[in-house]
Amino acid sequence: MASEPIDVAMLLLKRQTELGEHHEDFPSSQGPVTGYRALSNVQADRAFNEGLVATDTSGSAEGTNRYVPPPKAVWAWMARQPEGLAEAKKNAEHWAAQQTDNFNRPSSVVAIRGQQDLSHPDKEMHNYEGGYPWDSGAPYGPYAIPHDIPPEQVVRVR
């Protein structure tokens, strides 16, 4: 345990945080919020320490002609343009509520910061109104992001 004032100061300096780690509206060196993900509360707590880990997608697009996912992915509602961010958030909130209400799995939403690989749109996922964003040219949509998202880019949504 550090007892000298300089030791205490060094411990505090080793783990400096940014306001953007604690609220989606605050600035961050990781960039602006670009999307949202619904997670169980247990998964969300883990994401703040481990990030969002891409999972195997091998069984997720069986029987479809519209969509072929990458081998591993993190699914998220992402904004292709800034004006799509509010709708991306609404969709993630809808899916979190569905998990909580229909499956008794308390869920919440996390924000994702920074530019992500949006080369894999999930054209099978419908939005909270039952439509498909890709059919209407909406500025947001569901994506299979083909890589892990580090914890620095995951933000708690209040």
N, C-alpha and C. Protein backbone atom coordinates (compact mmCIF):
# COMPACT_ATOMS: atom_id res chain seq x y z
N MET A 1 0.85 -1.18 0.00
CA MET A 1 0.00 0.00 0.00
C MET A 1 0.89 1.24 0.00
N ALA A 2 0.53 2.20 -0.78
CA ALA A 2 1.30 3.44 -0.87
C ALA A 2 1.07 4.29 0.38
N SER A 3 2.16 4.79 0.95
CA SER A 3 2.00 5.61 2.15
C SER A 3 2.56 7.02 1.96
N GLU A 4 3.54 7.16 1.11
CA GLU A 4 4.11 8.48 0.85
C GLU A 4 3.17 9.24 -0.09
N PRO A 5 3.04 10.55 0.08
CA PRO A 5 2.16 11.32 -0.80
C PRO A 5 2.48 11.14 -2.29
N ILE A 6 3.74 11.06 -2.64
CA ILE A 6 4.10 10.89 -4.05
C ILE A 6 3.63 9.54 -4.57
N ASP A 7 3.68 8.49 -3.73
CA ASP A 7 3.20 7.17 -4.14
C ASP A 7 1.69 7.19 -4.40
N VAL A 8 0.97 7.86 -3.53
CA VAL A 8 -0.48 7.98 -3.71
C VAL A 8 -0.79 8.74 -4.99
N ALA A 9 -0.08 9.82 -5.22
CA ALA A 9 -0.29 10.62 -6.43
C ALA A 9 0.00 9.79 -7.69
N MET A 10 1.05 9.00 -7.66
CA MET A 10 1.39 8.17 -8.83
C MET A 10 0.31 7.13 -9.09
N LEU A 11 -0.24 6.53 -8.04
CA LEU A 11 -1.32 5.57 -8.21
C LEU A 11 -2.52 6.22 -8.89
N LEU A 12 -2.87 7.42 -8.48
CA LEU A 12 -4.00 8.12 -9.06
C LEU A 12 -3.73 8.50 -10.51
N LEU A 13 -2.52 8.90 -10.82
CA LEU A 13 -2.19 9.31 -12.18
C LEU A 13 -2.19 8.14 -13.16
N LYS A 14 -1.90 6.94 -12.67
CA LYS A 14 -1.85 5.78 -13.55
C LYS A 14 -3.21 5.47 -14.16
N ARG A 15 -4.27 5.83 -13.46
CA ARG A 15 -5.61 5.53 -13.97
C ARG A 15 -6.44 6.81 -14.05
N GLN A 16 -6.11 7.65 -15.00
CA GLN A 16 -6.91 8.84 -15.22
C GLN A 16 -8.08 8.47 -16.12
N THR A 17 -9.22 9.02 -15.82
CA THR A 17 -10.39 8.77 -16.67
C THR A 17 -10.77 10.06 -17.37
N GLU A 18 -11.63 9.91 -18.35
CA GLU A 18 -12.16 11.04 -19.09
C GLU A 18 -13.65 11.13 -18.79
N LEU A 19 -14.20 12.31 -18.90
CA LEU A 19 -15.64 12.46 -18.71
C LEU A 19 -16.42 11.57 -19.68
N GLY A 20 -15.90 11.40 -20.89
CA GLY A 20 -16.57 10.60 -21.91
C GLY A 20 -16.72 9.14 -21.56
N GLU A 21 -15.98 8.65 -20.59
CA GLU A 21 -16.13 7.26 -20.15
C GLU A 21 -17.39 7.08 -19.32
N HIS A 22 -17.93 8.18 -18.81
CA HIS A 22 -19.02 8.10 -17.85
C HIS A 22 -20.35 8.61 -18.38
N HIS A 23 -20.35 9.26 -19.52
CA HIS A 23 -21.60 9.77 -20.08
C HIS A 23 -21.45 9.94 -21.58
N GLU A 24 -22.45 9.52 -22.31
CA GLU A 24 -22.37 9.54 -23.77
C GLU A 24 -22.29 10.94 -24.37
N ASP A 25 -22.76 11.96 -23.65
CA ASP A 25 -22.75 13.31 -24.19
C ASP A 25 -21.45 14.07 -23.95
N PHE A 26 -20.57 13.52 -23.12
CA PHE A 26 -19.33 14.21 -22.80
C PHE A 26 -18.25 13.86 -23.83
N PRO A 27 -17.28 14.75 -24.04
CA PRO A 27 -16.23 14.48 -25.03
C PRO A 27 -15.30 13.34 -24.60
N SER A 28 -14.69 12.72 -25.59
CA SER A 28 -13.77 11.60 -25.33
C SER A 28 -12.70 11.56 -26.41
N SER A 29 -11.52 11.13 -26.02
CA SER A 29 -10.45 10.94 -27.01
C SER A 29 -10.76 9.77 -27.93
N GLN A 30 -11.76 8.94 -27.59
CA GLN A 30 -12.16 7.81 -28.42
C GLN A 30 -13.09 8.22 -29.55
N GLY A 31 -13.47 9.49 -29.58
CA GLY A 31 -14.35 9.98 -30.63
C GLY A 31 -15.79 10.04 -30.16
N PRO A 32 -16.68 10.48 -31.04
CA PRO A 32 -18.09 10.62 -30.67
C PRO A 32 -18.78 9.26 -30.60
N VAL A 33 -19.94 9.24 -29.98
CA VAL A 33 -20.78 8.04 -29.98
C VAL A 33 -21.28 7.83 -31.41
N THR A 34 -21.16 6.60 -31.89
CA THR A 34 -21.60 6.29 -33.25
C THR A 34 -22.65 5.19 -33.30
N GLY A 35 -22.95 4.58 -32.15
CA GLY A 35 -23.95 3.52 -32.14
C GLY A 35 -24.29 3.07 -30.74
N TYR A 36 -25.20 2.08 -30.67
CA TYR A 36 -25.68 1.57 -29.39
C TYR A 36 -25.89 0.06 -29.47
N ARG A 37 -25.81 -0.57 -28.30
CA ARG A 37 -25.99 -2.03 -28.21
C ARG A 37 -26.81 -2.34 -26.98
N ALA A 38 -27.80 -3.18 -27.12
CA ALA A 38 -28.57 -3.68 -25.97
C ALA A 38 -27.85 -4.89 -25.40
N LEU A 39 -27.69 -4.91 -24.09
CA LEU A 39 -27.02 -6.02 -23.40
C LEU A 39 -27.76 -6.33 -22.10
N SER A 40 -27.65 -7.58 -21.65
CA SER A 40 -28.15 -7.85 -20.31
C SER A 40 -27.31 -7.01 -19.34
N ASN A 41 -27.84 -6.73 -18.18
CA ASN A 41 -27.08 -5.92 -17.21
C ASN A 41 -25.77 -6.59 -16.83
N VAL A 42 -25.76 -7.92 -16.77
CA VAL A 42 -24.53 -8.66 -16.46
C VAL A 42 -23.51 -8.45 -17.58
N GLN A 43 -23.96 -8.56 -18.82
CA GLN A 43 -23.06 -8.35 -19.96
C GLN A 43 -22.56 -6.92 -20.00
N ALA A 44 -23.43 -5.96 -19.69
CA ALA A 44 -23.03 -4.55 -19.71
C ALA A 44 -21.94 -4.29 -18.68
N ASP A 45 -22.10 -4.81 -17.47
CA ASP A 45 -21.07 -4.63 -16.45
C ASP A 45 -19.73 -5.19 -16.92
N ARG A 46 -19.78 -6.34 -17.57
CA ARG A 46 -18.56 -6.97 -18.08
C ARG A 46 -17.95 -6.15 -19.22
N ALA A 47 -18.80 -5.54 -20.05
CA ALA A 47 -18.31 -4.77 -21.21
C ALA A 47 -17.49 -3.56 -20.79
N PHE A 48 -17.77 -2.99 -19.62
CA PHE A 48 -17.01 -1.83 -19.18
C PHE A 48 -15.59 -2.21 -18.77
N ASN A 49 -15.36 -3.48 -18.50
CA ASN A 49 -14.01 -3.94 -18.16
C ASN A 49 -13.33 -4.67 -19.31
N GLU A 50 -14.10 -5.42 -20.10
CA GLU A 50 -13.54 -6.28 -21.14
C GLU A 50 -13.81 -5.79 -22.55
N GLY A 51 -14.72 -4.84 -22.71
CA GLY A 51 -15.13 -4.42 -24.03
C GLY A 51 -16.23 -5.33 -24.56
N LEU A 52 -16.60 -5.12 -25.80
CA LEU A 52 -17.60 -5.97 -26.46
C LEU A 52 -16.82 -6.97 -27.31
N VAL A 53 -16.96 -8.23 -26.98
CA VAL A 53 -16.19 -9.28 -27.63
C VAL A 53 -17.00 -9.88 -28.77
N ALA A 54 -16.42 -9.90 -29.96
CA ALA A 54 -17.08 -10.49 -31.12
C ALA A 54 -17.31 -11.98 -30.88
N THR A 55 -18.53 -12.43 -31.21
CA THR A 55 -18.88 -13.84 -30.99
C THR A 55 -19.11 -14.54 -32.33
N ASP A 56 -19.10 -15.86 -32.27
CA ASP A 56 -19.29 -16.70 -33.45
C ASP A 56 -20.66 -16.44 -34.07
N THR A 57 -20.71 -16.31 -35.37
CA THR A 57 -21.96 -16.01 -36.08
C THR A 57 -22.42 -17.16 -36.97
N SER A 58 -21.81 -18.32 -36.87
CA SER A 58 -22.05 -19.38 -37.84
C SER A 58 -23.52 -19.79 -37.98
N GLY A 59 -24.32 -19.69 -36.95
CA GLY A 59 -25.72 -20.10 -37.06
C GLY A 59 -26.70 -18.95 -37.17
N SER A 60 -26.23 -17.74 -37.36
CA SER A 60 -27.12 -16.59 -37.26
C SER A 60 -27.82 -16.20 -38.55
N ALA A 61 -27.43 -16.71 -39.68
CA ALA A 61 -28.06 -16.28 -40.93
C ALA A 61 -28.53 -17.47 -41.76
N GLU A 62 -28.90 -18.55 -41.09
CA GLU A 62 -29.34 -19.72 -41.82
C GLU A 62 -30.65 -19.44 -42.55
N GLY A 63 -30.74 -19.85 -43.79
CA GLY A 63 -31.97 -19.72 -44.54
C GLY A 63 -32.27 -18.33 -45.08
N THR A 64 -31.29 -17.47 -45.14
CA THR A 64 -31.53 -16.12 -45.63
C THR A 64 -30.74 -15.85 -46.90
N ASN A 65 -31.29 -15.03 -47.73
CA ASN A 65 -30.58 -14.62 -48.94
C ASN A 65 -30.13 -13.17 -48.86
N ARG A 66 -30.59 -12.45 -47.82
CA ARG A 66 -30.30 -11.02 -47.72
C ARG A 66 -29.01 -10.73 -46.97
N TYR A 67 -28.47 -11.66 -46.22
CA TYR A 67 -27.43 -11.30 -45.27
C TYR A 67 -26.47 -12.46 -45.02
N VAL A 68 -25.18 -12.19 -45.13
CA VAL A 68 -24.14 -13.15 -44.77
C VAL A 68 -23.21 -12.45 -43.79
N PRO A 69 -23.23 -12.85 -42.51
CA PRO A 69 -22.40 -12.16 -41.52
C PRO A 69 -20.94 -12.58 -41.61
N PRO A 70 -20.06 -11.78 -41.00
CA PRO A 70 -18.65 -12.20 -40.89
C PRO A 70 -18.57 -13.37 -39.91
N PRO A 71 -17.43 -14.07 -39.84
CA PRO A 71 -17.31 -15.23 -38.94
C PRO A 71 -17.54 -14.90 -37.46
N LYS A 72 -17.10 -13.72 -37.04
CA LYS A 72 -17.33 -13.26 -35.67
C LYS A 72 -17.80 -11.82 -35.73
N ALA A 73 -18.67 -11.44 -34.78
CA ALA A 73 -19.18 -10.08 -34.83
C ALA A 73 -19.76 -9.63 -33.50
N VAL A 74 -19.85 -8.33 -33.36
CA VAL A 74 -20.61 -7.66 -32.31
C VAL A 74 -21.77 -6.99 -33.03
N TRP A 75 -23.01 -7.35 -32.65
CA TRP A 75 -24.16 -6.72 -33.28
C TRP A 75 -24.47 -5.42 -32.56
N ALA A 76 -24.77 -4.37 -33.33
CA ALA A 76 -25.09 -3.08 -32.74
C ALA A 76 -25.90 -2.26 -33.73
N TRP A 77 -26.68 -1.34 -33.19
CA TRP A 77 -27.40 -0.36 -34.00
C TRP A 77 -26.46 0.83 -34.18
N MET A 78 -26.06 1.10 -35.41
CA MET A 78 -25.08 2.13 -35.68
C MET A 78 -25.68 3.22 -36.58
N ALA A 79 -25.18 4.44 -36.41
CA ALA A 79 -25.59 5.55 -37.26
C ALA A 79 -24.61 5.66 -38.41
N ARG A 80 -25.12 5.65 -39.62
CA ARG A 80 -24.26 5.88 -40.79
C ARG A 80 -24.02 7.36 -40.98
N GLN A 81 -24.92 8.17 -40.46
CA GLN A 81 -24.82 9.62 -40.50
C GLN A 81 -25.27 10.14 -39.14
N PRO A 82 -24.78 11.30 -38.70
CA PRO A 82 -25.13 11.80 -37.37
C PRO A 82 -26.63 11.88 -37.10
N GLU A 83 -27.43 12.19 -38.11
CA GLU A 83 -28.87 12.29 -37.88
C GLU A 83 -29.53 10.94 -37.60
N GLY A 84 -28.82 9.86 -37.79
CA GLY A 84 -29.37 8.53 -37.49
C GLY A 84 -29.11 8.05 -36.07
N LEU A 85 -28.36 8.82 -35.30
CA LEU A 85 -27.95 8.37 -33.97
C LEU A 85 -29.14 8.19 -33.02
N ALA A 86 -30.08 9.11 -33.03
CA ALA A 86 -31.24 9.01 -32.13
C ALA A 86 -32.07 7.76 -32.44
N GLU A 87 -32.25 7.44 -33.72
CA GLU A 87 -33.00 6.24 -34.09
C GLU A 87 -32.24 4.96 -33.73
N ALA A 88 -30.93 4.98 -33.89
CA ALA A 88 -30.12 3.82 -33.48
C ALA A 88 -30.31 3.57 -31.99
N LYS A 89 -30.30 4.63 -31.21
CA LYS A 89 -30.49 4.50 -29.76
C LYS A 89 -31.88 3.98 -29.43
N LYS A 90 -32.92 4.49 -30.11
CA LYS A 90 -34.29 4.02 -29.87
C LYS A 90 -34.41 2.51 -30.11
N ASN A 91 -33.75 2.05 -31.17
CA ASN A 91 -33.82 0.62 -31.49
C ASN A 91 -33.11 -0.22 -30.43
N ALA A 92 -31.94 0.23 -29.98
CA ALA A 92 -31.25 -0.51 -28.92
C ALA A 92 -32.09 -0.52 -27.64
N GLU A 93 -32.71 0.61 -27.32
CA GLU A 93 -33.57 0.67 -26.13
C GLU A 93 -34.76 -0.27 -26.26
N HIS A 94 -35.32 -0.36 -27.46
CA HIS A 94 -36.43 -1.28 -27.71
C HIS A 94 -36.00 -2.73 -27.46
N TRP A 95 -34.84 -3.11 -27.98
CA TRP A 95 -34.38 -4.49 -27.80
C TRP A 95 -34.05 -4.77 -26.34
N ALA A 96 -33.51 -3.80 -25.63
CA ALA A 96 -33.24 -3.98 -24.19
C ALA A 96 -34.55 -4.19 -23.44
N ALA A 97 -35.57 -3.42 -23.77
CA ALA A 97 -36.88 -3.57 -23.11
C ALA A 97 -37.49 -4.93 -23.43
N GLN A 98 -37.33 -5.39 -24.67
CA GLN A 98 -37.84 -6.72 -25.05
C GLN A 98 -37.18 -7.82 -24.23
N GLN A 99 -35.87 -7.72 -24.05
CA GLN A 99 -35.14 -8.72 -23.25
C GLN A 99 -35.63 -8.70 -21.80
N THR A 100 -35.84 -7.50 -21.27
CA THR A 100 -36.28 -7.37 -19.89
C THR A 100 -37.70 -7.89 -19.72
N ASP A 101 -38.61 -7.46 -20.59
CA ASP A 101 -40.03 -7.79 -20.44
C ASP A 101 -40.37 -9.20 -20.87
N ASN A 102 -39.83 -9.67 -21.97
CA ASN A 102 -40.23 -10.96 -22.54
C ASN A 102 -39.40 -12.14 -22.08
N PHE A 103 -38.19 -11.89 -21.64
CA PHE A 103 -37.31 -13.00 -21.27
C PHE A 103 -36.83 -12.90 -19.83
N ASN A 104 -37.37 -11.93 -19.09
CA ASN A 104 -37.00 -11.74 -17.68
C ASN A 104 -35.49 -11.64 -17.51
N ARG A 105 -34.86 -10.93 -18.44
CA ARG A 105 -33.42 -10.71 -18.40
C ARG A 105 -33.18 -9.20 -18.33
N PRO A 106 -33.03 -8.65 -17.12
CA PRO A 106 -32.84 -7.20 -17.01
C PRO A 106 -31.72 -6.73 -17.94
N SER A 107 -32.05 -5.77 -18.78
CA SER A 107 -31.12 -5.33 -19.82
C SER A 107 -31.03 -3.81 -19.87
N SER A 108 -29.97 -3.35 -20.48
CA SER A 108 -29.74 -1.92 -20.63
C SER A 108 -29.01 -1.68 -21.94
N VAL A 109 -28.69 -0.42 -22.18
CA VAL A 109 -28.05 -0.03 -23.43
C VAL A 109 -26.68 0.56 -23.13
N VAL A 110 -25.71 0.22 -23.96
CA VAL A 110 -24.40 0.87 -23.90
C VAL A 110 -24.19 1.60 -25.21
N ALA A 111 -23.44 2.69 -25.13
CA ALA A 111 -23.08 3.45 -26.32
C ALA A 111 -21.71 2.97 -26.81
N ILE A 112 -21.50 3.10 -28.10
CA ILE A 112 -20.23 2.72 -28.71
C ILE A 112 -19.62 3.97 -29.33
N ARG A 113 -18.38 4.23 -28.98
CA ARG A 113 -17.67 5.41 -29.50
C ARG A 113 -16.74 5.02 -30.64
N GLY A 114 -16.47 5.99 -31.48
CA GLY A 114 -15.44 5.84 -32.50
C GLY A 114 -15.95 5.22 -33.78
N GLN A 115 -15.10 5.30 -34.79
CA GLN A 115 -15.42 4.74 -36.10
C GLN A 115 -15.29 3.23 -36.05
N GLN A 116 -16.30 2.53 -36.56
CA GLN A 116 -16.31 1.07 -36.58
C GLN A 116 -16.42 0.60 -38.03
N ASP A 117 -16.13 -0.67 -38.24
CA ASP A 117 -16.24 -1.28 -39.57
C ASP A 117 -17.72 -1.57 -39.84
N LEU A 118 -18.32 -0.82 -40.75
CA LEU A 118 -19.73 -0.99 -41.07
C LEU A 118 -19.92 -1.68 -42.42
N SER A 119 -19.05 -2.62 -42.72
CA SER A 119 -19.12 -3.32 -44.01
C SER A 119 -20.08 -4.50 -43.98
N HIS A 120 -20.71 -4.78 -42.83
CA HIS A 120 -21.62 -5.94 -42.73
C HIS A 120 -22.97 -5.52 -42.17
N PRO A 121 -23.80 -4.84 -42.97
CA PRO A 121 -25.14 -4.50 -42.49
C PRO A 121 -25.98 -5.76 -42.32
N ASP A 122 -26.74 -5.81 -41.24
CA ASP A 122 -27.62 -6.96 -40.97
C ASP A 122 -28.98 -6.65 -41.58
N LYS A 123 -29.20 -7.11 -42.78
CA LYS A 123 -30.42 -6.77 -43.51
C LYS A 123 -31.61 -7.62 -43.10
N GLU A 124 -31.43 -8.55 -42.17
CA GLU A 124 -32.54 -9.36 -41.67
C GLU A 124 -33.19 -8.75 -40.43
N MET A 125 -32.50 -7.86 -39.74
CA MET A 125 -33.00 -7.29 -38.49
C MET A 125 -33.95 -6.14 -38.79
N HIS A 126 -35.16 -6.21 -38.22
CA HIS A 126 -36.11 -5.11 -38.41
C HIS A 126 -36.00 -4.13 -37.25
N ASN A 127 -36.49 -2.92 -37.48
CA ASN A 127 -36.42 -1.91 -36.43
C ASN A 127 -37.62 -2.03 -35.49
N TYR A 128 -37.67 -1.17 -34.49
CA TYR A 128 -38.71 -1.27 -33.47
C TYR A 128 -40.11 -1.02 -34.02
N GLU A 129 -40.22 -0.44 -35.21
CA GLU A 129 -41.52 -0.22 -35.82
C GLU A 129 -41.90 -1.36 -36.77
N GLY A 130 -41.03 -2.34 -36.90
CA GLY A 130 -41.31 -3.49 -37.75
C GLY A 130 -40.82 -3.35 -39.19
N GLY A 131 -40.23 -2.22 -39.54
CA GLY A 131 -39.71 -2.04 -40.89
C GLY A 131 -38.23 -2.38 -40.98
N TYR A 132 -37.73 -2.40 -42.18
CA TYR A 132 -36.32 -2.69 -42.40
C TYR A 132 -35.62 -1.40 -42.82
N PRO A 133 -34.66 -0.90 -42.01
CA PRO A 133 -34.01 0.37 -42.33
C PRO A 133 -33.39 0.39 -43.72
N TRP A 134 -32.91 -0.76 -44.19
CA TRP A 134 -32.21 -0.80 -45.48
C TRP A 134 -33.17 -0.56 -46.63
N ASP A 135 -34.44 -0.93 -46.44
CA ASP A 135 -35.41 -0.75 -47.51
C ASP A 135 -35.81 0.72 -47.68
N SER A 136 -35.62 1.52 -46.64
CA SER A 136 -36.04 2.92 -46.70
C SER A 136 -34.86 3.89 -46.84
N GLY A 137 -33.64 3.39 -46.84
CA GLY A 137 -32.46 4.26 -46.93
C GLY A 137 -32.21 5.06 -45.66
N ALA A 138 -32.63 4.54 -44.51
CA ALA A 138 -32.47 5.23 -43.23
C ALA A 138 -30.99 5.48 -42.92
N PRO A 139 -30.69 6.57 -42.16
CA PRO A 139 -29.30 6.89 -41.83
C PRO A 139 -28.75 6.10 -40.64
N TYR A 140 -29.38 4.98 -40.30
CA TYR A 140 -28.94 4.11 -39.22
C TYR A 140 -29.30 2.68 -39.60
N GLY A 141 -28.80 1.74 -38.86
CA GLY A 141 -29.19 0.36 -39.10
C GLY A 141 -28.43 -0.59 -38.20
N PRO A 142 -28.86 -1.86 -38.21
CA PRO A 142 -28.16 -2.88 -37.44
C PRO A 142 -26.95 -3.39 -38.24
N TYR A 143 -25.84 -3.56 -37.55
CA TYR A 143 -24.62 -4.03 -38.19
C TYR A 143 -24.00 -5.16 -37.39
N ALA A 144 -23.31 -6.02 -38.09
CA ALA A 144 -22.44 -7.03 -37.49
C ALA A 144 -21.03 -6.47 -37.61
N ILE A 145 -20.52 -5.93 -36.53
CA ILE A 145 -19.18 -5.33 -36.54
C ILE A 145 -18.17 -6.46 -36.38
N PRO A 146 -17.28 -6.65 -37.35
CA PRO A 146 -16.44 -7.86 -37.39
C PRO A 146 -15.19 -7.81 -36.53
N HIS A 147 -15.26 -7.14 -35.38
CA HIS A 147 -14.09 -7.09 -34.49
C HIS A 147 -14.56 -6.76 -33.08
N ASP A 148 -13.68 -7.01 -32.12
CA ASP A 148 -13.96 -6.61 -30.75
C ASP A 148 -13.99 -5.09 -30.65
N ILE A 149 -14.72 -4.60 -29.67
CA ILE A 149 -14.74 -3.16 -29.39
C ILE A 149 -14.14 -2.99 -28.00
N PRO A 150 -13.02 -2.27 -27.89
CA PRO A 150 -12.33 -2.17 -26.60
C PRO A 150 -13.16 -1.42 -25.55
N PRO A 151 -12.89 -1.70 -24.27
CA PRO A 151 -13.68 -1.09 -23.20
C PRO A 151 -13.65 0.43 -23.21
N GLU A 152 -12.59 1.02 -23.72
CA GLU A 152 -12.50 2.48 -23.78
C GLU A 152 -13.56 3.08 -24.69
N GLN A 153 -14.10 2.26 -25.60
CA GLN A 153 -15.10 2.75 -26.55
C GLN A 153 -16.53 2.38 -26.13
N VAL A 154 -16.69 1.80 -24.95
CA VAL A 154 -18.01 1.40 -24.45
C VAL A 154 -18.40 2.37 -23.33
N VAL A 155 -19.59 2.95 -23.45
CA VAL A 155 -20.01 3.99 -22.51
C VAL A 155 -21.37 3.63 -21.90
N ARG A 156 -21.49 3.81 -20.63
CA ARG A 156 -22.76 3.58 -19.94
C ARG A 156 -23.79 4.62 -20.40
N VAL A 157 -24.99 4.17 -20.69
CA VAL A 157 -26.08 5.07 -21.05
C VAL A 157 -27.01 5.16 -19.87
N ARG A 158 -27.34 6.34 -19.48
CA ARG A 158 -28.21 6.56 -18.32
C ARG A 158 -29.62 6.85 -18.75
